Structure formats: structure tokens, C-alpha cells
């Protein structure tokens, strides 16, 4: 992927999914190449099986085709194409947030005080695990929407699920195990 994460999402959107701000994770951290590579890996391995929302191949080419229609000075995208363009952007946001989870628990300050007032970000580790689980589940749900949207007639959900990259599912389980 020759483009940065910001082709697909914004740093603020990633932080919003996690419920944090720029002081917790600055732009420079989200911009690290490892997060762009993780996004590229997943986008390259997510290969919808039909051509109904534009493009051939993986989500990178699909996104580029949809972006050309949606972002044009005079948009030519259908409502469905606009919807799936947004879903791919949402998926990218959730993927980057998911990739940030393992280091986030250790790096976030649990409470802050200036001597006069104090604030607690997460009331417990369980609260953080709940947020992490929601990010992981939302990411999987958006991926399902994207994959389901492009099923040609006659393809069943089990066939579609078999096409989903096991690497992504293993990565999700590894993050859940680490946070448990």
C-alpha cells in the first residue's frame, strides 16, 4: 500500500473508536509504518468474491474504484456504492484501532491529578477489556457487512466465511487472549 492510513481514515477517528485523545496516542504513533502494514495486510487478504460494488480483487482496489466515484467533483456512485465506500473506511478505522489495543492498555494513564482534582479514565481493567472487545467485535461485524455485500447469487454464508482470511481471525483471538 503506497498510501498512508489517512487515505482510509483519520487519526482522530481511530482515537474516537478507542475513547482516547491525542495526548494518549499522538498522530506520530498511529502514523507508524507497522500500523499501515497491518492495514495493508488485512485489505490485501480481504477479497470479496463478486464485483457488485466495483473493482476487481482485494479491498485496496475496490476502495480505489469506489473513491473515484464517490469523491469525484460530480459523484457518479450509487447509494449502495457510497454506503460500501463508507463501510470500507469504517473497517480501516476499526482495524487500526484494533492494532493499537495490545500496547494501549500498558501505555494509558489510569488516573490523572493536578493536586486539586483527579480523573480516572477506566474504572477497572475490565472496563478496558470491554472497550477492546467492542472494537474487535465491531471490526468483525463491519468486515462481515463488506463481505456479505458482495456475495453473488448462489454463494452461501458458509462459503463466504470460508473465504475470510484465517490470519485475521487468529489475530483477533490473539488480541482477545492478551487482554483477558
Protein backbone atom coordinates (compact mmCIF):
# COMPACT_ATOMS: atom_id res chain seq x y z
CA UNK A 1 0.00 0.00 0.00
CA UNK A 2 1.73 3.11 -1.16
CA UNK A 3 -0.65 5.38 0.68
CA UNK A 4 -0.81 6.21 4.35
CA UNK A 5 -3.50 5.27 6.82
CA UNK A 6 -5.07 8.66 6.19
CA UNK A 7 -6.17 7.51 2.73
CA UNK A 8 -8.75 5.35 4.50
CA UNK A 9 -9.36 7.00 7.87
CA UNK A 10 -8.18 9.78 10.16
CA UNK A 11 -6.11 9.63 13.30
CA UNK A 12 -8.93 11.37 15.18
CA UNK A 13 -11.42 8.72 14.05
CA UNK A 14 -9.13 5.94 15.28
CA UNK A 15 -8.78 7.65 18.65
CA UNK A 16 -12.54 8.20 18.84
CA UNK A 17 -13.17 4.46 18.45
CA UNK A 18 -10.89 3.88 21.44
CA UNK A 19 -12.28 6.74 23.51
CA UNK A 20 -8.93 8.49 23.85
CA UNK A 21 -7.37 11.75 22.71
CA UNK A 22 -4.13 12.95 21.14
CA UNK A 23 -2.35 13.17 24.48
CA UNK A 24 -2.90 9.41 24.94
CA UNK A 25 -1.78 8.40 21.45
CA UNK A 26 -0.28 11.14 19.28
CA UNK A 27 -0.55 11.19 15.49
CA UNK A 28 3.09 10.09 15.22
CA UNK A 29 2.28 6.77 16.90
CA UNK A 30 -0.72 6.00 14.68
CA UNK A 31 1.36 7.02 11.66
CA UNK A 32 3.97 4.33 12.39
CA UNK A 33 4.61 2.13 9.40
CA UNK A 34 3.66 -1.04 11.29
CA UNK A 35 0.02 0.10 11.50
CA UNK A 36 -0.09 0.93 7.78
CA UNK A 37 1.40 -2.51 7.05
CA UNK A 38 -1.19 -4.24 9.24
CA UNK A 39 -3.96 -2.38 7.42
CA UNK A 40 -2.46 -3.28 4.05
CA UNK A 41 -2.14 -6.96 5.02
CA UNK A 42 -5.78 -7.21 6.01
CA UNK A 43 -7.02 -5.24 2.99
CA UNK A 44 -4.98 -7.41 0.63
CA UNK A 45 -6.25 -10.60 2.27
CA UNK A 46 -9.89 -9.49 2.28
CA UNK A 47 -11.01 -10.45 -1.20
CA UNK A 48 -14.73 -10.15 -1.83
CA UNK A 49 -15.94 -12.74 -4.28
CA UNK A 50 -18.10 -10.62 -6.58
CA UNK A 51 -17.80 -7.38 -8.47
CA UNK A 52 -21.06 -5.78 -7.43
CA UNK A 53 -19.53 -2.83 -5.56
CA UNK A 54 -16.82 -2.12 -8.08
CA UNK A 55 -13.28 -3.19 -8.64
CA UNK A 56 -11.52 -6.48 -9.01
CA UNK A 57 -9.52 -8.18 -6.34
CA UNK A 58 -8.95 -7.03 -2.78
CA UNK A 59 -10.29 -4.11 -0.75
CA UNK A 60 -7.49 -1.80 -1.87
CA UNK A 61 -8.58 -1.92 -5.49
CA UNK A 62 -12.26 -1.87 -4.52
CA UNK A 63 -11.71 1.20 -2.38
CA UNK A 64 -9.81 2.99 -5.15
CA UNK A 65 -12.62 2.31 -7.64
CA UNK A 66 -15.31 3.44 -5.19
CA UNK A 67 -13.33 6.52 -4.14
CA UNK A 68 -13.07 7.61 -7.78
CA UNK A 69 -16.87 7.56 -7.99
CA UNK A 70 -17.69 8.94 -4.54
CA UNK A 71 -15.04 11.66 -4.30
CA UNK A 72 -15.37 12.97 -7.87
CA UNK A 73 -16.32 16.61 -8.40
CA UNK A 74 -19.55 15.24 -9.83
CA UNK A 75 -20.07 11.95 -7.95
CA UNK A 76 -21.32 9.02 -10.02
CA UNK A 77 -21.61 6.49 -7.19
CA UNK A 78 -24.89 4.80 -6.48
CA UNK A 79 -26.29 4.89 -2.94
CA UNK A 80 -25.06 1.33 -2.44
CA UNK A 81 -21.55 2.19 -3.66
CA UNK A 82 -21.46 5.22 -1.34
CA UNK A 83 -22.58 3.03 1.56
CA UNK A 84 -19.86 0.43 0.94
CA UNK A 85 -17.23 3.11 0.45
CA UNK A 86 -18.13 4.31 3.95
CA UNK A 87 -18.06 0.76 5.30
CA UNK A 88 -14.54 0.23 3.96
CA UNK A 89 -13.43 3.48 5.63
CA UNK A 90 -15.08 2.36 8.87
CA UNK A 91 -13.37 -1.03 8.58
CA UNK A 92 -10.00 0.71 8.19
CA UNK A 93 -10.67 2.83 11.28
CA UNK A 94 -11.60 -0.22 13.33
CA UNK A 95 -8.61 -2.22 12.05
CA UNK A 96 -6.11 0.43 13.07
CA UNK A 97 -7.81 0.80 16.46
CA UNK A 98 -7.67 -2.98 16.89
CA UNK A 99 -3.94 -2.97 16.09
CA UNK A 100 -3.35 -0.31 18.76
CA UNK A 101 -5.07 -2.32 21.51
CA UNK A 102 -2.19 -4.50 22.77
CA UNK A 103 0.05 -1.56 23.64
CA UNK A 104 -2.75 0.73 24.69
CA UNK A 105 -3.53 -0.95 27.99
CA UNK A 106 0.01 -0.51 29.26
CA UNK A 107 0.56 2.98 27.90
CA UNK A 108 -2.58 4.74 29.12
CA UNK A 109 -2.55 6.54 32.41
CA UNK A 110 -5.38 5.19 34.54
CA UNK A 111 -5.79 8.34 36.56
CA UNK A 112 -4.50 11.89 36.47
CA UNK A 113 -4.30 14.51 39.15
CA UNK A 114 -3.13 18.08 39.24
CA UNK A 115 -3.16 18.26 43.03
CA UNK A 116 -6.62 19.78 43.18
CA UNK A 117 -8.70 17.46 41.04
CA UNK A 118 -8.30 13.97 39.69
CA UNK A 119 -9.87 11.93 36.94
CA UNK A 120 -9.92 8.21 36.21
CA UNK A 121 -10.07 7.06 32.59
CA UNK A 122 -11.01 3.42 33.03
CA UNK A 123 -12.57 2.44 36.33
CA UNK A 124 -11.03 -1.01 36.03
CA UNK A 125 -9.11 -3.34 33.73
CA UNK A 126 -12.49 -4.94 32.98
CA UNK A 127 -13.70 -1.63 31.53
CA UNK A 128 -10.72 -1.55 29.18
CA UNK A 129 -11.32 -5.18 28.19
CA UNK A 130 -14.96 -4.29 27.41
CA UNK A 131 -13.83 -1.47 25.13
CA UNK A 132 -11.30 -3.77 23.46
CA UNK A 133 -13.93 -6.46 22.93
CA UNK A 134 -16.30 -3.92 21.36
CA UNK A 135 -13.57 -2.73 18.98
CA UNK A 136 -12.75 -6.31 17.96
CA UNK A 137 -16.42 -7.28 17.55
CA UNK A 138 -17.25 -4.11 15.60
CA UNK A 139 -14.32 -4.74 13.29
CA UNK A 140 -15.51 -8.30 12.63
CA UNK A 141 -19.08 -7.06 12.09
CA UNK A 142 -18.04 -4.42 9.57
CA UNK A 143 -15.91 -6.98 7.75
CA UNK A 144 -18.94 -9.24 7.57
CA UNK A 145 -21.05 -6.40 6.10
CA UNK A 146 -18.40 -5.75 3.45
CA UNK A 147 -18.08 -9.43 2.56
CA UNK A 148 -21.83 -10.01 2.63
CA UNK A 149 -22.45 -7.03 0.40
CA UNK A 150 -20.57 -8.55 -2.46
CA UNK A 151 -21.88 -12.10 -2.43
CA UNK A 152 -23.00 -13.17 -5.86
CA UNK A 153 -26.28 -15.02 -6.04
CA UNK A 154 -25.84 -18.67 -5.19
CA UNK A 155 -22.94 -18.15 -2.76
CA UNK A 156 -23.85 -19.16 0.78
CA UNK A 157 -22.73 -17.55 4.02
CA UNK A 158 -20.61 -20.63 4.96
CA UNK A 159 -18.81 -20.34 1.60
CA UNK A 160 -18.24 -16.67 2.28
CA UNK A 161 -16.95 -17.34 5.79
CA UNK A 162 -14.55 -19.94 4.41
CA UNK A 163 -13.10 -17.21 2.17
CA UNK A 164 -12.36 -14.93 5.11
CA UNK A 165 -8.69 -14.95 5.93
CA UNK A 166 -7.90 -17.15 8.93
CA UNK A 167 -4.96 -14.84 9.69
CA UNK A 168 -7.33 -12.03 10.61
CA UNK A 169 -9.41 -14.30 12.84
CA UNK A 170 -6.24 -15.59 14.54
CA UNK A 171 -5.07 -12.00 15.10
CA UNK A 172 -8.40 -11.10 16.70
CA UNK A 173 -8.20 -14.10 19.02
CA UNK A 174 -4.60 -13.25 19.95
CA UNK A 175 -5.63 -9.71 20.95
CA UNK A 176 -8.56 -11.07 22.98
CA UNK A 177 -6.27 -13.58 24.73
CA UNK A 178 -3.72 -10.89 25.51
CA UNK A 179 -6.36 -8.64 27.04
CA UNK A 180 -8.07 -11.41 29.01
